[in-house]
C-alpha atoms as a PDB file:
ATOM      1  CA  MET A   1     -32.756 221.136  10.017  1.00  0.00           C
ATOM      2  CA  PRO A   2     -28.974 221.409   9.167  1.00  0.00           C
ATOM      3  CA  ALA A   3     -28.790 222.798   5.744  1.00  0.00           C
ATOM      4  CA  VAL A   4     -26.522 221.652   2.936  1.00  0.00           C
ATOM      5  CA  LEU A   5     -25.081 223.848   0.277  1.00  0.00           C
ATOM      6  CA  ILE A   6     -23.826 221.902  -2.828  1.00  0.00           C
ATOM      7  CA  THR A   7     -22.129 223.421  -6.026  1.00  0.00           C
ATOM      8  CA  GLY A   8     -22.703 221.952  -9.405  1.00  0.00           C
ATOM      9  CA  ALA A   9     -25.625 220.285  -8.213  1.00  0.00           C
ATOM     10  CA  ASN A  10     -27.430 220.037 -11.872  1.00  0.00           C
ATOM     11  CA  ARG A  11     -25.977 216.579 -12.722  1.00  0.00           C
ATOM     12  CA  GLY A  12     -24.122 213.833 -11.612  1.00  0.00           C
ATOM     13  CA  LEU A  13     -22.938 213.476  -8.023  1.00  0.00           C
ATOM     14  CA  GLY A  14     -24.236 217.130  -7.268  1.00  0.00           C
ATOM     15  CA  LEU A  15     -27.691 216.095  -8.632  1.00  0.00           C
ATOM     16  CA  GLU A  16     -27.082 212.863  -6.211  1.00  0.00           C
ATOM     17  CA  PHE A  17     -26.257 214.804  -3.314  1.00  0.00           C
ATOM     18  CA  CYS A  18     -28.860 217.198  -3.782  1.00  0.00           C
ATOM     19  CA  ARG A  19     -32.164 214.040  -3.755  1.00  0.00           C
ATOM     20  CA  GLN A  20     -30.439 212.015  -1.122  1.00  0.00           C
ATOM     21  CA  TYR A  21     -30.201 214.998   1.124  1.00  0.00           C
ATOM     22  CA  ALA A  22     -33.313 216.116   0.328  1.00  0.00           C
ATOM     23  CA  ALA A  23     -35.003 212.781   1.195  1.00  0.00           C
ATOM     24  CA  SER A  24     -33.537 212.849   4.181  1.00  0.00           C
ATOM     25  CA  GLY A  25     -34.964 216.287   5.333  1.00  0.00           C
ATOM     26  CA  TRP A  26     -32.272 218.249   5.154  1.00  0.00           C
ATOM     27  CA  ASP A  27     -32.531 222.161   3.773  1.00  0.00           C
ATOM     28  CA  VAL A  28     -30.790 221.502   0.595  1.00  0.00           C
ATOM     29  CA  LEU A  29     -29.077 224.927  -1.116  1.00  0.00           C
ATOM     30  CA  ALA A  30     -28.511 223.952  -4.986  1.00  0.00           C
ATOM     31  CA  ALA A  31     -25.908 225.900  -6.683  1.00  0.00           C
ATOM     32  CA  SER A  32     -25.212 225.498 -10.304  1.00  0.00           C
ATOM     33  CA  ARG A  33     -23.624 227.448 -13.310  1.00  0.00           C
ATOM     34  CA  SER A  34     -26.318 226.084 -15.478  1.00  0.00           C
ATOM     35  CA  SER A  35     -29.752 224.375 -14.703  1.00  0.00           C
ATOM     36  CA  SER A  36     -31.210 220.538 -16.171  1.00  0.00           C
ATOM     37  CA  GLU A  37     -34.784 218.903 -16.021  1.00  0.00           C
ATOM     38  CA  GLU A  38     -34.036 217.011 -13.107  1.00  0.00           C
ATOM     39  CA  LEU A  39     -32.970 220.006 -10.662  1.00  0.00           C
ATOM     40  CA  GLU A  40     -35.919 222.184 -11.626  1.00  0.00           C
ATOM     41  CA  GLU A  41     -38.265 219.520 -10.772  1.00  0.00           C
ATOM     42  CA  LEU A  42     -36.333 218.383  -7.496  1.00  0.00           C
ATOM     43  CA  GLY A  43     -36.005 222.762  -6.850  1.00  0.00           C
ATOM     44  CA  LYS A  44     -40.178 222.231  -6.418  1.00  0.00           C
ATOM     45  CA  LEU A  45     -39.711 220.554  -3.066  1.00  0.00           C
ATOM     46  CA  PRO A  46     -40.059 223.127   0.089  1.00  0.00           C
ATOM     47  CA  LYS A  47     -36.704 222.180   1.693  1.00  0.00           C
ATOM     48  CA  VAL A  48     -34.750 222.568  -1.932  1.00  0.00           C
ATOM     49  CA  THR A  49     -33.315 226.244  -2.949  1.00  0.00           C
ATOM     50  CA  LEU A  50     -31.805 226.635  -6.138  1.00  0.00           C
ATOM     51  CA  TYR A  51     -28.962 228.964  -6.621  1.00  0.00           C
ATOM     52  CA  SER A  52     -27.059 230.694  -9.539  1.00  0.00           C
ATOM     53  CA  VAL A  53     -23.120 230.120  -9.586  1.00  0.00           C
ATOM     54  CA  ASP A  54     -20.271 230.060 -11.817  1.00  0.00           C
ATOM     55  CA  VAL A  55     -17.567 228.769  -9.231  1.00  0.00           C
ATOM     56  CA  GLY A  56     -14.899 229.913 -11.942  1.00  0.00           C
ATOM     57  CA  ASP A  57     -15.596 233.843 -11.477  1.00  0.00           C
ATOM     58  CA  SER A  58     -15.199 235.581  -8.179  1.00  0.00           C
ATOM     59  CA  ALA A  59     -17.969 238.274  -9.184  1.00  0.00           C
ATOM     60  CA  SER A  60     -20.976 235.669  -9.450  1.00  0.00           C
ATOM     61  CA  VAL A  61     -19.826 233.581  -6.348  1.00  0.00           C
ATOM     62  CA  GLN A  62     -19.616 236.973  -4.281  1.00  0.00           C
ATOM     63  CA  GLN A  63     -23.115 237.015  -5.548  1.00  0.00           C
ATOM     64  CA  LEU A  64     -24.154 233.652  -4.096  1.00  0.00           C
ATOM     65  CA  ALA A  65     -22.597 235.146  -0.704  1.00  0.00           C
ATOM     66  CA  ASP A  66     -24.842 237.891  -0.759  1.00  0.00           C
ATOM     67  CA  ALA A  67     -28.067 235.971  -1.639  1.00  0.00           C
ATOM     68  CA  LEU A  68     -27.220 233.931   1.163  1.00  0.00           C
ATOM     69  CA  GLY A  69     -26.506 236.598   4.078  1.00  0.00           C
ATOM     70  CA  ASP A  70     -25.584 234.801   7.435  1.00  0.00           C
ATOM     71  CA  GLN A  71     -27.677 231.351   6.344  1.00  0.00           C
ATOM     72  CA  PRO A  72     -26.088 228.690   8.276  1.00  0.00           C
ATOM     73  CA  ILE A  73     -24.618 226.105   6.290  1.00  0.00           C
ATOM     74  CA  ASP A  74     -23.796 222.673   8.107  1.00  0.00           C
ATOM     75  CA  VAL A  75     -21.817 221.115   5.144  1.00  0.00           C
ATOM     76  CA  LEU A  76     -20.866 222.502   2.269  1.00  0.00           C
ATOM     77  CA  ILE A  77     -19.767 220.254  -0.816  1.00  0.00           C
ATOM     78  CA  ASN A  78     -17.280 221.863  -3.562  1.00  0.00           C
ATOM     79  CA  ASN A  79     -18.583 219.132  -5.948  1.00  0.00           C
ATOM     80  CA  ALA A  80     -18.499 221.323  -8.939  1.00  0.00           C
ATOM     81  CA  GLY A  81     -15.660 220.301 -11.290  1.00  0.00           C
ATOM     82  CA  TYR A  82     -14.277 219.848 -15.069  1.00  0.00           C
ATOM     83  CA  PHE A  83     -12.454 217.200 -16.555  1.00  0.00           C
ATOM     84  CA  GLY A  84     -11.608 219.226 -19.548  1.00  0.00           C
ATOM     85  CA  CYS A  85     -12.764 220.555 -22.837  1.00  0.00           C
ATOM     86  CA  VAL A  86     -12.703 216.926 -24.067  1.00  0.00           C
ATOM     87  CA  GLY A  87     -14.486 214.395 -21.883  1.00  0.00           C
ATOM     88  CA  PHE A  88     -13.222 211.222 -20.432  1.00  0.00           C
ATOM     89  CA  ALA A  89     -15.138 209.235 -22.496  1.00  0.00           C
ATOM     90  CA  GLU A  90     -14.728 211.168 -25.766  1.00  0.00           C
ATOM     91  CA  GLY A  91     -10.697 210.763 -25.657  1.00  0.00           C
ATOM     92  CA  GLY A  92     -10.218 212.817 -22.725  1.00  0.00           C
ATOM     93  CA  VAL A  93      -7.025 210.715 -22.052  1.00  0.00           C
ATOM     94  CA  GLU A  94      -5.683 211.291 -25.209  1.00  0.00           C
ATOM     95  CA  HIS A  95      -6.063 215.131 -25.294  1.00  0.00           C
ATOM     96  CA  GLN A  96      -4.306 215.323 -22.209  1.00  0.00           C
ATOM     97  CA  ALA A  97      -1.096 212.805 -22.793  1.00  0.00           C
ATOM     98  CA  PHE A  98       2.097 214.379 -23.303  1.00  0.00           C
ATOM     99  CA  GLY A  99       3.956 216.416 -25.655  1.00  0.00           C
ATOM    100  CA  ASP A 100       0.100 217.185 -26.347  1.00  0.00           C
ATOM    101  CA  THR A 101      -0.836 219.928 -24.121  1.00  0.00           C
ATOM    102  CA  ASP A 102      -3.544 222.454 -24.259  1.00  0.00           C
ATOM    103  CA  PHE A 103      -2.638 224.400 -21.899  1.00  0.00           C
ATOM    104  CA  ASP A 104      -5.846 227.070 -22.273  1.00  0.00           C
ATOM    105  CA  ASN A 105      -7.560 223.920 -21.320  1.00  0.00           C
ATOM    106  CA  TRP A 106      -5.371 223.166 -18.335  1.00  0.00           C
ATOM    107  CA  ALA A 107      -6.131 226.637 -16.714  1.00  0.00           C
ATOM    108  CA  ASN A 108      -9.537 226.005 -17.057  1.00  0.00           C
ATOM    109  CA  VAL A 109      -9.363 222.807 -15.263  1.00  0.00           C
ATOM    110  CA  MET A 110      -7.041 224.516 -12.405  1.00  0.00           C
ATOM    111  CA  ASN A 111      -9.561 227.717 -12.188  1.00  0.00           C
ATOM    112  CA  ILE A 112     -12.735 225.691 -11.867  1.00  0.00           C
ATOM    113  CA  ASN A 113     -11.220 222.634  -9.826  1.00  0.00           C
ATOM    114  CA  VAL A 114      -8.921 224.012  -7.553  1.00  0.00           C
ATOM    115  CA  PHE A 115      -9.484 228.000  -7.384  1.00  0.00           C
ATOM    116  CA  GLY A 116     -13.238 227.136  -7.834  1.00  0.00           C
ATOM    117  CA  PRO A 117     -13.416 225.651  -4.170  1.00  0.00           C
ATOM    118  CA  MET A 118     -11.517 228.180  -2.644  1.00  0.00           C
ATOM    119  CA  ARG A 119     -13.440 230.940  -4.250  1.00  0.00           C
ATOM    120  CA  VAL A 120     -16.462 229.383  -2.550  1.00  0.00           C
ATOM    121  CA  THR A 121     -15.163 228.888   0.630  1.00  0.00           C
ATOM    122  CA  GLU A 122     -13.845 231.523   1.682  1.00  0.00           C
ATOM    123  CA  ALA A 123     -16.903 233.449   0.646  1.00  0.00           C
ATOM    124  CA  LEU A 124     -19.500 231.154   2.324  1.00  0.00           C
ATOM    125  CA  VAL A 125     -16.642 230.052   5.445  1.00  0.00           C
ATOM    126  CA  ASP A 126     -18.532 232.346   7.900  1.00  0.00           C
ATOM    127  CA  ASN A 127     -21.957 230.914   7.072  1.00  0.00           C
ATOM    128  CA  VAL A 128     -20.169 227.532   7.718  1.00  0.00           C
ATOM    129  CA  ALA A 129     -18.820 228.272  10.956  1.00  0.00           C
ATOM    130  CA  ALA A 130     -22.018 229.583  12.343  1.00  0.00           C
ATOM    131  CA  SER A 131     -23.720 226.402  12.083  1.00  0.00           C
ATOM    132  CA  GLU A 132     -23.635 223.195  14.042  1.00  0.00           C
ATOM    133  CA  GLN A 133     -21.669 220.650  11.631  1.00  0.00           C
ATOM    134  CA  LYS A 134     -19.010 223.138  10.591  1.00  0.00           C
ATOM    135  CA  LYS A 135     -18.090 221.018   7.685  1.00  0.00           C
ATOM    136  CA  VAL A 136     -15.947 221.814   4.109  1.00  0.00           C
ATOM    137  CA  VAL A 137     -15.867 218.963   1.891  1.00  0.00           C
ATOM    138  CA  THR A 138     -14.118 219.028  -1.275  1.00  0.00           C
ATOM    139  CA  LEU A 139     -14.739 216.405  -3.761  1.00  0.00           C
ATOM    140  CA  SER A 140     -11.158 215.571  -5.514  1.00  0.00           C
ATOM    141  CA  SER A 141     -10.152 211.733  -6.866  1.00  0.00           C
ATOM    142  CA  MET A 142      -7.532 208.612  -6.443  1.00  0.00           C
ATOM    143  CA  LEU A 143      -5.953 210.045  -9.844  1.00  0.00           C
ATOM    144  CA  GLY A 144      -4.812 213.592  -7.626  1.00  0.00           C
ATOM    145  CA  SER A 145      -2.962 210.715  -5.389  1.00  0.00           C
ATOM    146  CA  MET A 146       0.775 210.657  -6.593  1.00  0.00           C
ATOM    147  CA  GLU A 147       1.877 207.502  -4.984  1.00  0.00           C
ATOM    148  CA  LEU A 148      -1.069 205.726  -6.915  1.00  0.00           C
ATOM    149  CA  ASN A 149      -0.071 207.415 -10.341  1.00  0.00           C
ATOM    150  CA  THR A 150       1.701 204.401 -11.952  1.00  0.00           C
ATOM    151  CA  ILE A 151       0.613 205.502 -15.362  1.00  0.00           C
ATOM    152  CA  GLY A 152       0.907 208.798 -15.649  1.00  0.00           C
ATOM    153  CA  GLY A 153      -1.074 211.704 -18.193  1.00  0.00           C
ATOM    154  CA  LEU A 154      -4.211 213.271 -17.604  1.00  0.00           C
ATOM    155  CA  TYR A 155      -1.717 216.123 -16.506  1.00  0.00           C
ATOM    156  CA  ALA A 156      -4.342 218.700 -16.280  1.00  0.00           C
ATOM    157  CA  TYR A 157      -6.997 216.705 -14.768  1.00  0.00           C
ATOM    158  CA  ARG A 158      -4.326 215.182 -12.276  1.00  0.00           C
ATOM    159  CA  SER A 159      -2.510 218.068 -11.469  1.00  0.00           C
ATOM    160  CA  SER A 160      -5.689 219.443 -10.550  1.00  0.00           C
ATOM    161  CA  LYS A 161      -6.910 216.960  -8.263  1.00  0.00           C
ATOM    162  CA  ALA A 162      -3.490 216.801  -6.457  1.00  0.00           C
ATOM    163  CA  ALA A 163      -3.810 220.616  -5.790  1.00  0.00           C
ATOM    164  CA  VAL A 164      -7.178 220.400  -4.241  1.00  0.00           C
ATOM    165  CA  ASN A 165      -5.495 217.677  -1.344  1.00  0.00           C
ATOM    166  CA  MET A 166      -2.865 220.144  -0.846  1.00  0.00           C
ATOM    167  CA  MET A 167      -5.473 223.449  -0.525  1.00  0.00           C
ATOM    168  CA  MET A 168      -7.757 221.073   1.862  1.00  0.00           C
ATOM    169  CA  LYS A 169      -5.052 220.238   3.860  1.00  0.00           C
ATOM    170  CA  SER A 170      -3.877 223.140   4.405  1.00  0.00           C
ATOM    171  CA  MET A 171      -7.783 224.579   4.569  1.00  0.00           C
ATOM    172  CA  ALA A 172      -7.875 222.053   7.344  1.00  0.00           C
ATOM    173  CA  VAL A 173      -5.204 223.071   9.360  1.00  0.00           C
ATOM    174  CA  ASP A 174      -6.379 227.255   8.917  1.00  0.00           C
ATOM    175  CA  LEU A 175     -10.092 226.198   9.467  1.00  0.00           C
ATOM    176  CA  GLN A 176      -9.389 224.042  12.601  1.00  0.00           C
ATOM    177  CA  LYS A 177      -9.185 227.285  14.806  1.00  0.00           C
ATOM    178  CA  ARG A 178     -12.715 227.818  13.991  1.00  0.00           C
ATOM    179  CA  GLY A 179     -13.937 224.867  14.813  1.00  0.00           C
ATOM    180  CA  VAL A 180     -15.141 224.073  10.973  1.00  0.00           C
ATOM    181  CA  LEU A 181     -13.811 220.392   9.712  1.00  0.00           C
ATOM    182  CA  ALA A 182     -12.370 220.501   6.100  1.00  0.00           C
ATOM    183  CA  VAL A 183     -11.352 217.554   4.129  1.00  0.00           C
ATOM    184  CA  ALA A 184     -11.223 215.884   0.461  1.00  0.00           C
ATOM    185  CA  VAL A 185     -12.985 212.759  -0.272  1.00  0.00           C
ATOM    186  CA  HIS A 186     -12.842 210.480  -3.553  1.00  0.00           C
ATOM    187  CA  PRO A 187     -16.741 209.846  -4.848  1.00  0.00           C
ATOM    188  CA  GLY A 188     -14.872 206.327  -6.619  1.00  0.00           C
ATOM    189  CA  TRP A 189     -15.011 206.136 -10.325  1.00  0.00           C
ATOM    190  CA  ALA A 190     -18.781 206.990 -10.976  1.00  0.00           C
ATOM    191  CA  LYS A 191     -20.851 206.130 -13.618  1.00  0.00           C
ATOM    192  CA  THR A 192     -21.503 209.855 -14.469  1.00  0.00           C
ATOM    193  CA  GLU A 193     -21.518 212.110 -17.837  1.00  0.00           C
ATOM    194  CA  MET A 194     -17.510 212.955 -16.507  1.00  0.00           C
ATOM    195  CA  GLY A 195     -16.842 209.501 -15.800  1.00  0.00           C
ATOM    196  CA  GLY A 196     -18.285 207.863 -18.731  1.00  0.00           C
ATOM    197  CA  PRO A 197     -20.497 204.649 -18.723  1.00  0.00           C
ATOM    198  CA  GLY A 198     -17.382 202.270 -18.053  1.00  0.00           C
ATOM    199  CA  ALA A 199     -17.118 203.859 -14.833  1.00  0.00           C
ATOM    200  CA  GLU A 200     -17.326 201.046 -11.785  1.00  0.00           C
ATOM    201  CA  VAL A 201     -19.517 203.209  -8.885  1.00  0.00           C
ATOM    202  CA  GLU A 202     -23.115 203.909  -9.265  1.00  0.00           C
ATOM    203  CA  PRO A 203     -23.750 207.679  -8.363  1.00  0.00           C
ATOM    204  CA  GLY A 204     -25.921 206.661  -5.772  1.00  0.00           C
ATOM    205  CA  GLU A 205     -23.579 204.477  -3.995  1.00  0.00           C
ATOM    206  CA  GLY A 206     -20.753 206.826  -4.477  1.00  0.00           C
ATOM    207  CA  VAL A 207     -23.171 209.791  -2.757  1.00  0.00           C
ATOM    208  CA  ALA A 208     -24.201 207.365  -0.369  1.00  0.00           C
ATOM    209  CA  GLY A 209     -20.769 206.832   1.087  1.00  0.00           C
ATOM    210  CA  LEU A 210     -19.630 210.330   1.135  1.00  0.00           C
ATOM    211  CA  ARG A 211     -22.523 211.231   2.961  1.00  0.00           C
ATOM    212  CA  ARG A 212     -21.440 208.618   5.837  1.00  0.00           C
ATOM    213  CA  VAL A 213     -17.683 209.859   5.680  1.00  0.00           C
ATOM    214  CA  ILE A 214     -19.397 213.646   5.946  1.00  0.00           C
ATOM    215  CA  GLU A 215     -21.648 212.152   8.611  1.00  0.00           C
ATOM    216  CA  ARG A 216     -18.845 210.602  10.952  1.00  0.00           C
ATOM    217  CA  LEU A 217     -15.861 213.292  10.206  1.00  0.00           C
ATOM    218  CA  THR A 218     -13.612 213.837  13.345  1.00  0.00           C
ATOM    219  CA  GLU A 219     -11.024 216.096  14.008  1.00  0.00           C
ATOM    220  CA  GLN A 220      -8.733 213.111  13.938  1.00  0.00           C
ATOM    221  CA  GLN A 221      -9.380 212.787   9.820  1.00  0.00           C
ATOM    222  CA  LEU A 222      -8.791 216.389   8.825  1.00  0.00           C
ATOM    223  CA  GLY A 223      -6.504 217.008   5.967  1.00  0.00           C
ATOM    224  CA  GLN A 224      -6.534 213.409   4.605  1.00  0.00           C
ATOM    225  CA  LEU A 225      -8.253 212.224   1.545  1.00  0.00           C
ATOM    226  CA  ILE A 226     -11.056 209.692   2.097  1.00  0.00           C
ATOM    227  CA  ALA A 227     -12.619 207.669  -0.321  1.00  0.00           C
ATOM    228  CA  PHE A 228     -16.453 206.922  -0.400  1.00  0.00           C
ATOM    229  CA  ASP A 229     -15.840 203.478   1.137  1.00  0.00           C
ATOM    230  CA  GLY A 230     -14.191 205.172   4.446  1.00  0.00           C
ATOM    231  CA  ASN A 231     -11.010 204.192   3.487  1.00  0.00           C
ATOM    232  CA  ILE A 232      -7.514 206.568   3.378  1.00  0.00           C
ATOM    233  CA  LEU A 233      -6.406 207.534   0.460  1.00  0.00           C
ATOM    234  CA  PRO A 234      -2.428 208.533   0.078  1.00  0.00           C
ATOM    235  CA  TYR A 235      -1.368 211.883  -0.927  1.00  0.00           C
END
């Protein structure tokens, strides 16, 4: 069976990815900085293996790579993300308003959301290239789209996801020669701890849609920002 590695697997969309792929019979490599009761329970399944990793720390990512060895990874899902030190539903919008910039917070958002996927992909690209499906997927957001930004604000989070889009565009070009398909995806405004209770998309719906996108991914879609419903979003 194919193998999928998911970062940020302990909650939200990452945990839902683990549930759905495990239910479909995949070998699930669930990686997260901290665990949760739900993830520990999922880890009791024979085809689910838990790994500890902090995507914000290069040494931790290298330890993950060492632990995996030459394990082929059909789909690498860079899901781990960080909205900021103040959550969206707890006043995060105001915290990232113009004139009130927390530069340390902004740097941390960039470290997790942008440098994190780059660290993980560089460390595990040989594992992906050794698989049959050879796919690298990083979760982005419509909030990173310049064209769709009509209300401003959210400087740290928006800029991190815009950077993710550019990173994945370059990655799509660079890795295509190895047969690796790289793409950024938008899961919708999901009802997770990050998205808050007022969000529009249930995690199960968003992840199911993204799994369909990943399954049908073609070379013609490389470098695009694809939403969970299959629509292409503008950069």
